[in-house]
Amino acid sequence: ADQHAPGANRAAVYLELKQYDAALQDCDAVLQEHPNHAKALYRRGLAHQALSDFDRALADFQRLKVADAGQSGFADAQIDKVQEL
């Protein structure tokens, strides 16, 4: 079981509530222990994107591609979205 899922999952709730700073804090905490945690990278990227921090969003989505090759197509779609902004 993924012991860091609660923090990454709580970040998803914060994103839904538009509490982007709280989502960033949860993702940062997970990534401090597990730098390649796919859900935390994705959700932190979304939080950065929502806060118009596009460089950091792109960096997280690029890291996601490396961390989890199975998410590469999904990460590419988010990268395309950010680059259109």
N, C-alpha and C. Protein backbone atom coordinates (compact mmCIF):
# COMPACT_ATOMS: atom_id res chain seq x y z
N ALA A 1 0.84 -1.20 0.00
CA ALA A 1 0.00 0.00 0.00
C ALA A 1 0.88 1.25 0.00
N ASP A 2 0.38 2.27 -0.61
CA ASP A 2 1.12 3.53 -0.72
C ASP A 2 0.85 4.37 0.52
N GLN A 3 1.82 4.41 1.43
CA GLN A 3 1.61 5.14 2.69
C GLN A 3 1.51 6.64 2.48
N HIS A 4 1.91 7.14 1.31
CA HIS A 4 1.84 8.57 1.05
C HIS A 4 0.58 8.96 0.28
N ALA A 5 -0.24 7.99 -0.05
CA ALA A 5 -1.47 8.28 -0.78
C ALA A 5 -2.38 9.27 -0.05
N PRO A 6 -2.50 9.20 1.29
CA PRO A 6 -3.39 10.18 1.94
C PRO A 6 -3.01 11.63 1.65
N GLY A 7 -1.73 11.97 1.69
CA GLY A 7 -1.32 13.34 1.39
C GLY A 7 -1.59 13.70 -0.05
N ALA A 8 -1.30 12.79 -0.96
CA ALA A 8 -1.55 13.05 -2.37
C ALA A 8 -3.05 13.12 -2.65
N ASN A 9 -3.81 12.27 -1.97
CA ASN A 9 -5.26 12.28 -2.17
C ASN A 9 -5.91 13.51 -1.55
N ARG A 10 -5.40 13.94 -0.40
CA ARG A 10 -5.93 15.17 0.20
C ARG A 10 -5.63 16.36 -0.71
N ALA A 11 -4.48 16.33 -1.38
CA ALA A 11 -4.15 17.40 -2.32
C ALA A 11 -5.20 17.46 -3.44
N ALA A 12 -5.70 16.32 -3.87
CA ALA A 12 -6.74 16.30 -4.90
C ALA A 12 -8.00 17.02 -4.41
N VAL A 13 -8.33 16.81 -3.14
CA VAL A 13 -9.50 17.50 -2.56
C VAL A 13 -9.24 19.00 -2.51
N TYR A 14 -8.05 19.39 -2.08
CA TYR A 14 -7.71 20.82 -2.04
C TYR A 14 -7.80 21.43 -3.44
N LEU A 15 -7.37 20.71 -4.45
CA LEU A 15 -7.48 21.23 -5.83
C LEU A 15 -8.95 21.47 -6.19
N GLU A 16 -9.81 20.50 -5.84
CA GLU A 16 -11.25 20.66 -6.12
C GLU A 16 -11.82 21.87 -5.41
N LEU A 17 -11.31 22.15 -4.22
CA LEU A 17 -11.78 23.29 -3.43
C LEU A 17 -11.08 24.60 -3.79
N LYS A 18 -10.18 24.52 -4.78
CA LYS A 18 -9.40 25.68 -5.22
C LYS A 18 -8.49 26.22 -4.11
N GLN A 19 -8.08 25.34 -3.21
CA GLN A 19 -7.14 25.68 -2.14
C GLN A 19 -5.74 25.23 -2.60
N TYR A 20 -5.21 25.98 -3.56
CA TYR A 20 -4.00 25.55 -4.26
C TYR A 20 -2.76 25.55 -3.37
N ASP A 21 -2.66 26.51 -2.46
CA ASP A 21 -1.50 26.54 -1.57
C ASP A 21 -1.49 25.32 -0.65
N ALA A 22 -2.65 24.92 -0.16
CA ALA A 22 -2.73 23.72 0.68
C ALA A 22 -2.37 22.47 -0.13
N ALA A 23 -2.81 22.43 -1.38
CA ALA A 23 -2.46 21.29 -2.25
C ALA A 23 -0.95 21.23 -2.45
N LEU A 24 -0.33 22.40 -2.66
CA LEU A 24 1.13 22.44 -2.83
C LEU A 24 1.84 21.91 -1.58
N GLN A 25 1.38 22.31 -0.41
CA GLN A 25 2.01 21.86 0.83
C GLN A 25 1.94 20.35 0.98
N ASP A 26 0.78 19.77 0.69
CA ASP A 26 0.65 18.32 0.79
C ASP A 26 1.55 17.61 -0.21
N CYS A 27 1.57 18.09 -1.44
CA CYS A 27 2.40 17.47 -2.46
C CYS A 27 3.88 17.61 -2.12
N ASP A 28 4.28 18.78 -1.65
CA ASP A 28 5.68 18.98 -1.26
C ASP A 28 6.09 18.01 -0.16
N ALA A 29 5.20 17.78 0.80
CA ALA A 29 5.50 16.87 1.90
C ALA A 29 5.70 15.44 1.38
N VAL A 30 4.83 15.00 0.47
CA VAL A 30 4.96 13.66 -0.10
C VAL A 30 6.25 13.57 -0.93
N LEU A 31 6.51 14.59 -1.74
CA LEU A 31 7.67 14.55 -2.64
C LEU A 31 8.99 14.67 -1.90
N GLN A 32 8.95 15.23 -0.72
CA GLN A 32 10.17 15.30 0.10
C GLN A 32 10.64 13.89 0.47
N GLU A 33 9.69 13.02 0.74
CA GLU A 33 10.01 11.63 1.09
C GLU A 33 10.16 10.74 -0.14
N HIS A 34 9.33 10.99 -1.15
CA HIS A 34 9.32 10.18 -2.37
C HIS A 34 9.31 11.11 -3.59
N PRO A 35 10.49 11.52 -4.06
CA PRO A 35 10.59 12.53 -5.11
C PRO A 35 9.92 12.17 -6.44
N ASN A 36 9.65 10.88 -6.66
CA ASN A 36 9.04 10.47 -7.93
C ASN A 36 7.60 9.98 -7.77
N HIS A 37 6.94 10.42 -6.72
CA HIS A 37 5.55 10.01 -6.48
C HIS A 37 4.66 10.62 -7.56
N ALA A 38 4.12 9.77 -8.43
CA ALA A 38 3.42 10.24 -9.63
C ALA A 38 2.21 11.12 -9.30
N LYS A 39 1.37 10.69 -8.37
CA LYS A 39 0.17 11.47 -8.05
C LYS A 39 0.54 12.84 -7.49
N ALA A 40 1.55 12.86 -6.63
CA ALA A 40 1.96 14.14 -6.03
C ALA A 40 2.55 15.07 -7.09
N LEU A 41 3.35 14.52 -8.01
CA LEU A 41 3.91 15.35 -9.08
C LEU A 41 2.80 15.93 -9.95
N TYR A 42 1.86 15.08 -10.32
CA TYR A 42 0.74 15.52 -11.18
C TYR A 42 -0.08 16.60 -10.48
N ARG A 43 -0.43 16.34 -9.23
CA ARG A 43 -1.30 17.29 -8.53
C ARG A 43 -0.58 18.58 -8.19
N ARG A 44 0.73 18.50 -7.91
CA ARG A 44 1.48 19.73 -7.68
C ARG A 44 1.57 20.53 -8.98
N GLY A 45 1.74 19.84 -10.09
CA GLY A 45 1.74 20.52 -11.38
C GLY A 45 0.42 21.25 -11.63
N LEU A 46 -0.68 20.59 -11.30
CA LEU A 46 -1.99 21.23 -11.47
C LEU A 46 -2.12 22.46 -10.57
N ALA A 47 -1.62 22.36 -9.34
CA ALA A 47 -1.69 23.50 -8.42
C ALA A 47 -0.84 24.66 -8.95
N HIS A 48 0.37 24.36 -9.41
CA HIS A 48 1.20 25.41 -9.98
C HIS A 48 0.51 26.06 -11.19
N GLN A 49 -0.10 25.23 -12.02
CA GLN A 49 -0.80 25.73 -13.20
C GLN A 49 -1.93 26.67 -12.79
N ALA A 50 -2.70 26.27 -11.78
CA ALA A 50 -3.82 27.09 -11.31
C ALA A 50 -3.34 28.42 -10.75
N LEU A 51 -2.13 28.43 -10.19
CA LEU A 51 -1.55 29.65 -9.62
C LEU A 51 -0.74 30.43 -10.66
N SER A 52 -0.85 30.03 -11.92
CA SER A 52 -0.15 30.69 -13.04
C SER A 52 1.37 30.61 -12.93
N ASP A 53 1.87 29.60 -12.23
CA ASP A 53 3.31 29.36 -12.14
C ASP A 53 3.62 28.27 -13.17
N PHE A 54 3.63 28.69 -14.43
CA PHE A 54 3.69 27.74 -15.53
C PHE A 54 5.04 27.03 -15.64
N ASP A 55 6.13 27.70 -15.29
CA ASP A 55 7.44 27.05 -15.35
C ASP A 55 7.50 25.87 -14.38
N ARG A 56 7.01 26.08 -13.18
CA ARG A 56 7.02 25.00 -12.19
C ARG A 56 6.04 23.89 -12.58
N ALA A 57 4.90 24.27 -13.16
CA ALA A 57 3.95 23.26 -13.62
C ALA A 57 4.61 22.38 -14.69
N LEU A 58 5.27 23.01 -15.64
CA LEU A 58 5.94 22.25 -16.70
C LEU A 58 7.01 21.34 -16.11
N ALA A 59 7.77 21.85 -15.15
CA ALA A 59 8.81 21.04 -14.53
C ALA A 59 8.22 19.79 -13.87
N ASP A 60 7.09 19.96 -13.17
CA ASP A 60 6.47 18.80 -12.52
C ASP A 60 5.94 17.80 -13.54
N PHE A 61 5.33 18.28 -14.61
CA PHE A 61 4.80 17.36 -15.62
C PHE A 61 5.94 16.65 -16.36
N GLN A 62 7.07 17.34 -16.56
CA GLN A 62 8.23 16.70 -17.17
C GLN A 62 8.78 15.61 -16.23
N ARG A 63 8.84 15.92 -14.94
CA ARG A 63 9.31 14.92 -13.96
C ARG A 63 8.38 13.72 -13.91
N LEU A 64 7.09 13.97 -14.07
CA LEU A 64 6.12 12.88 -14.07
C LEU A 64 6.42 11.91 -15.21
N LYS A 65 6.76 12.43 -16.36
CA LYS A 65 7.08 11.57 -17.51
C LYS A 65 8.25 10.64 -17.20
N VAL A 66 9.24 11.15 -16.49
CA VAL A 66 10.42 10.36 -16.13
C VAL A 66 10.09 9.40 -14.99
N ALA A 67 9.33 9.87 -14.02
CA ALA A 67 9.02 9.08 -12.82
C ALA A 67 8.13 7.88 -13.13
N ASP A 68 7.20 8.06 -14.08
CA ASP A 68 6.24 7.01 -14.39
C ASP A 68 5.97 7.02 -15.88
N ALA A 69 6.71 6.20 -16.61
CA ALA A 69 6.59 6.16 -18.07
C ALA A 69 5.16 5.84 -18.52
N GLY A 70 4.42 5.14 -17.68
CA GLY A 70 3.04 4.82 -18.02
C GLY A 70 2.15 6.06 -18.07
N GLN A 71 2.59 7.14 -17.45
CA GLN A 71 1.84 8.39 -17.43
C GLN A 71 2.33 9.38 -18.49
N SER A 72 3.21 8.94 -19.36
CA SER A 72 3.85 9.83 -20.32
C SER A 72 2.84 10.56 -21.21
N GLY A 73 1.89 9.82 -21.74
CA GLY A 73 0.88 10.45 -22.61
C GLY A 73 0.04 11.46 -21.86
N PHE A 74 -0.30 11.12 -20.63
CA PHE A 74 -1.09 12.01 -19.78
C PHE A 74 -0.29 13.27 -19.46
N ALA A 75 0.99 13.08 -19.13
CA ALA A 75 1.86 14.21 -18.82
C ALA A 75 2.02 15.11 -20.05
N ASP A 76 2.17 14.50 -21.22
CA ASP A 76 2.30 15.28 -22.46
C ASP A 76 1.07 16.15 -22.70
N ALA A 77 -0.11 15.60 -22.41
CA ALA A 77 -1.34 16.36 -22.60
C ALA A 77 -1.35 17.59 -21.68
N GLN A 78 -0.90 17.43 -20.44
CA GLN A 78 -0.84 18.56 -19.51
C GLN A 78 0.22 19.57 -19.96
N ILE A 79 1.34 19.08 -20.44
CA ILE A 79 2.38 19.98 -20.94
C ILE A 79 1.85 20.81 -22.09
N ASP A 80 1.12 20.18 -23.00
CA ASP A 80 0.52 20.92 -24.12
C ASP A 80 -0.44 21.99 -23.63
N LYS A 81 -1.25 21.67 -22.62
CA LYS A 81 -2.19 22.65 -22.08
C LYS A 81 -1.46 23.85 -21.50
N VAL A 82 -0.41 23.59 -20.73
CA VAL A 82 0.34 24.67 -20.10
C VAL A 82 1.01 25.54 -21.16
N GLN A 83 1.56 24.91 -22.18
CA GLN A 83 2.26 25.67 -23.21
C GLN A 83 1.30 26.52 -24.04
N GLU A 84 0.02 26.17 -24.05
CA GLU A 84 -0.97 26.99 -24.77
C GLU A 84 -1.37 28.23 -23.99
N LEU A 85 -1.08 28.25 -22.69
CA LEU A 85 -1.49 29.38 -21.84
C LEU A 85 -0.56 30.56 -22.00
